[in-house]
Amino acid sequence: MCASKLMDAFDLERMSVAAALDCETTTLVDWISKTYGYEGNNMYEMCGSVTNPHTHRWGNDAGNRRVLIEDLCYFFVPMEQLAEVVRVNVPVTKAILEIIQIFTDYDYRANGITLGDLGMEGFDKQQIIDFVTNGEQGD
């Protein structure tokens, strides 16, 4: 249940960053419902059962580490940086990165995808929107 609550809290931050970038997106609960057909009002109701197929991806340490590297390096790290640009507070995102780094002894920020890696280092909000929308930096 605790991990599900973290996912719900993180999703609120993700939605806030998306809104600050004028980006329409769906909630994680809605996406999982549409993608996998799971039912529920939050992540625990949708994925909290041991019979849920997604619980099996967390069955061994190697699988856990792979999923954490993918999720944290390629999503949480750039989202944290986007949040800084648009001045959205993301304490849950930051805490997840810090705590999981302690658990795994792996520096997700040092190994993650940065705005620089994506060609957007030093961009402001409008430059990011222009770059993502048009493939070029705005004026």
Protein backbone atom coordinates (compact mmCIF):
# COMPACT_ATOMS: atom_id res chain seq x y z
CA MET A 1 0.00 0.00 0.00
CA CYS A 2 2.82 2.44 0.83
CA ALA A 3 4.39 2.15 -2.63
CA SER A 4 1.00 2.73 -4.22
CA LYS A 5 0.54 5.90 -2.19
CA LEU A 6 3.95 7.10 -3.35
CA MET A 7 2.99 6.43 -6.96
CA ASP A 8 -0.24 8.41 -6.53
CA ALA A 9 1.66 11.31 -4.90
CA PHE A 10 4.32 11.25 -7.62
CA ASP A 11 1.62 11.28 -10.27
CA LEU A 12 0.15 14.47 -8.80
CA GLU A 13 3.57 16.08 -9.16
CA ARG A 14 3.93 14.78 -12.72
CA MET A 15 0.54 16.25 -13.59
CA SER A 16 1.58 19.59 -12.07
CA VAL A 17 4.78 19.71 -14.13
CA ALA A 18 2.84 18.82 -17.27
CA ALA A 19 0.27 21.54 -16.56
CA ALA A 20 3.06 24.09 -15.98
CA LEU A 21 4.36 23.19 -19.45
CA ASP A 22 0.87 23.63 -20.93
CA CYS A 23 0.81 19.91 -21.70
CA GLU A 24 -2.36 17.89 -21.53
CA THR A 25 -1.87 14.42 -20.13
CA THR A 26 -3.84 11.73 -18.40
CA THR A 27 -3.42 10.47 -14.87
CA LEU A 28 -1.44 7.30 -14.25
CA VAL A 29 -4.60 5.58 -12.97
CA ASP A 30 -6.47 6.42 -16.18
CA TRP A 31 -3.54 5.35 -18.35
CA ILE A 32 -3.13 2.00 -16.57
CA SER A 33 -6.88 1.42 -16.76
CA LYS A 34 -6.92 2.09 -20.52
CA THR A 35 -3.68 0.23 -21.22
CA TYR A 36 -4.11 -2.86 -19.07
CA GLY A 37 -7.83 -2.87 -18.30
CA TYR A 38 -7.27 -2.79 -14.53
CA GLU A 39 -10.03 -1.31 -12.40
CA GLY A 40 -9.75 0.96 -9.37
CA ASN A 41 -9.59 4.54 -8.17
CA ASN A 42 -5.91 4.57 -7.19
CA MET A 43 -2.74 2.56 -7.72
CA TYR A 44 -3.36 0.28 -4.75
CA GLU A 45 -6.81 -0.71 -5.95
CA MET A 46 -5.44 -1.31 -9.46
CA CYS A 47 -2.11 -2.99 -8.79
CA GLY A 48 -2.04 -3.90 -5.10
CA SER A 49 -3.16 -7.50 -5.42
CA VAL A 50 -0.56 -10.27 -5.46
CA THR A 51 -2.49 -11.77 -8.36
CA ASN A 52 -1.94 -8.67 -10.50
CA PRO A 53 0.51 -9.43 -13.35
CA HIS A 54 2.50 -6.27 -12.60
CA THR A 55 3.45 -7.52 -9.14
CA HIS A 56 5.51 -10.28 -10.76
CA ARG A 57 7.91 -7.79 -12.36
CA TRP A 58 9.11 -7.02 -8.83
CA GLY A 59 9.91 -10.66 -8.09
CA ASN A 60 13.72 -10.54 -8.01
CA ASP A 61 16.50 -8.10 -7.25
CA ALA A 62 17.88 -7.95 -10.80
CA GLY A 63 14.42 -7.19 -12.19
CA ASN A 64 13.81 -4.58 -9.51
CA ARG A 65 17.08 -2.81 -10.26
CA ARG A 66 16.39 -2.81 -14.02
CA VAL A 67 12.94 -1.30 -13.53
CA LEU A 68 14.27 1.28 -11.06
CA ILE A 69 17.08 2.32 -13.42
CA GLU A 70 14.64 2.67 -16.30
CA ASP A 71 12.04 4.60 -14.33
CA LEU A 72 14.31 6.80 -12.24
CA CYS A 73 17.08 7.55 -14.74
CA TYR A 74 14.88 8.04 -17.78
CA PHE A 75 11.81 9.64 -16.22
CA PHE A 76 12.25 10.90 -12.68
CA VAL A 77 15.59 12.65 -13.30
CA PRO A 78 14.47 14.67 -16.35
CA MET A 79 11.12 15.39 -14.73
CA GLU A 80 12.89 16.76 -11.66
CA GLN A 81 14.89 19.05 -13.94
CA LEU A 82 11.80 20.14 -15.89
CA ALA A 83 10.10 20.94 -12.58
CA GLU A 84 13.01 23.21 -11.67
CA VAL A 85 12.66 25.11 -14.95
CA VAL A 86 8.92 25.68 -14.50
CA ARG A 87 9.29 26.23 -10.72
CA VAL A 88 7.04 23.39 -9.62
CA ASN A 89 7.87 21.90 -6.23
CA VAL A 90 8.33 18.12 -6.48
CA PRO A 91 9.29 16.90 -3.00
CA VAL A 92 8.00 13.37 -3.56
CA THR A 93 10.03 12.97 -6.75
CA LYS A 94 13.16 14.26 -5.03
CA ALA A 95 12.59 12.03 -2.00
CA ILE A 96 12.06 8.93 -4.14
CA LEU A 97 15.33 9.58 -5.95
CA GLU A 98 17.18 10.10 -2.67
CA ILE A 99 15.72 7.14 -0.80
CA ILE A 100 16.02 4.62 -3.63
CA GLN A 101 19.61 5.74 -4.16
CA ILE A 102 20.31 4.82 -0.54
CA PHE A 103 18.58 1.45 -0.94
CA THR A 104 20.40 0.52 -4.14
CA ASP A 105 23.71 2.40 -3.80
CA TYR A 106 23.18 3.71 -7.34
CA ASP A 107 23.32 7.39 -8.29
CA TYR A 108 20.30 7.84 -10.55
CA ARG A 109 20.91 11.55 -11.08
CA ALA A 110 24.52 10.99 -12.20
CA ASN A 111 23.43 8.19 -14.54
CA GLY A 112 20.11 9.65 -15.63
CA ILE A 113 19.06 11.51 -18.73
CA THR A 114 19.43 15.26 -18.24
CA LEU A 115 17.92 18.19 -20.07
CA GLY A 116 21.42 18.66 -21.51
CA ASP A 117 21.35 15.13 -22.90
CA LEU A 118 18.01 15.97 -24.50
CA GLY A 119 19.39 19.15 -26.09
CA MET A 120 17.53 21.51 -23.74
CA GLU A 121 20.17 22.60 -21.24
CA GLY A 122 19.58 26.17 -20.10
CA PHE A 123 16.21 26.40 -21.83
CA ASP A 124 13.35 28.29 -20.25
CA LYS A 125 9.76 27.08 -20.32
CA GLN A 126 8.91 28.53 -23.72
CA GLN A 127 12.12 27.26 -25.30
CA ILE A 128 11.34 23.76 -24.01
CA ILE A 129 7.81 23.92 -25.40
CA ASP A 130 9.09 25.17 -28.78
CA PHE A 131 11.80 22.53 -28.91
CA VAL A 132 9.45 19.67 -28.07
CA THR A 133 6.69 20.96 -30.35
CA ASN A 134 8.74 22.11 -33.34
CA GLY A 135 12.16 20.54 -32.89
CA GLU A 136 13.80 23.91 -32.52
CA GLN A 137 14.48 26.54 -29.93
CA GLY A 138 12.14 29.54 -29.94
CA ASP A 139 13.26 33.16 -29.83
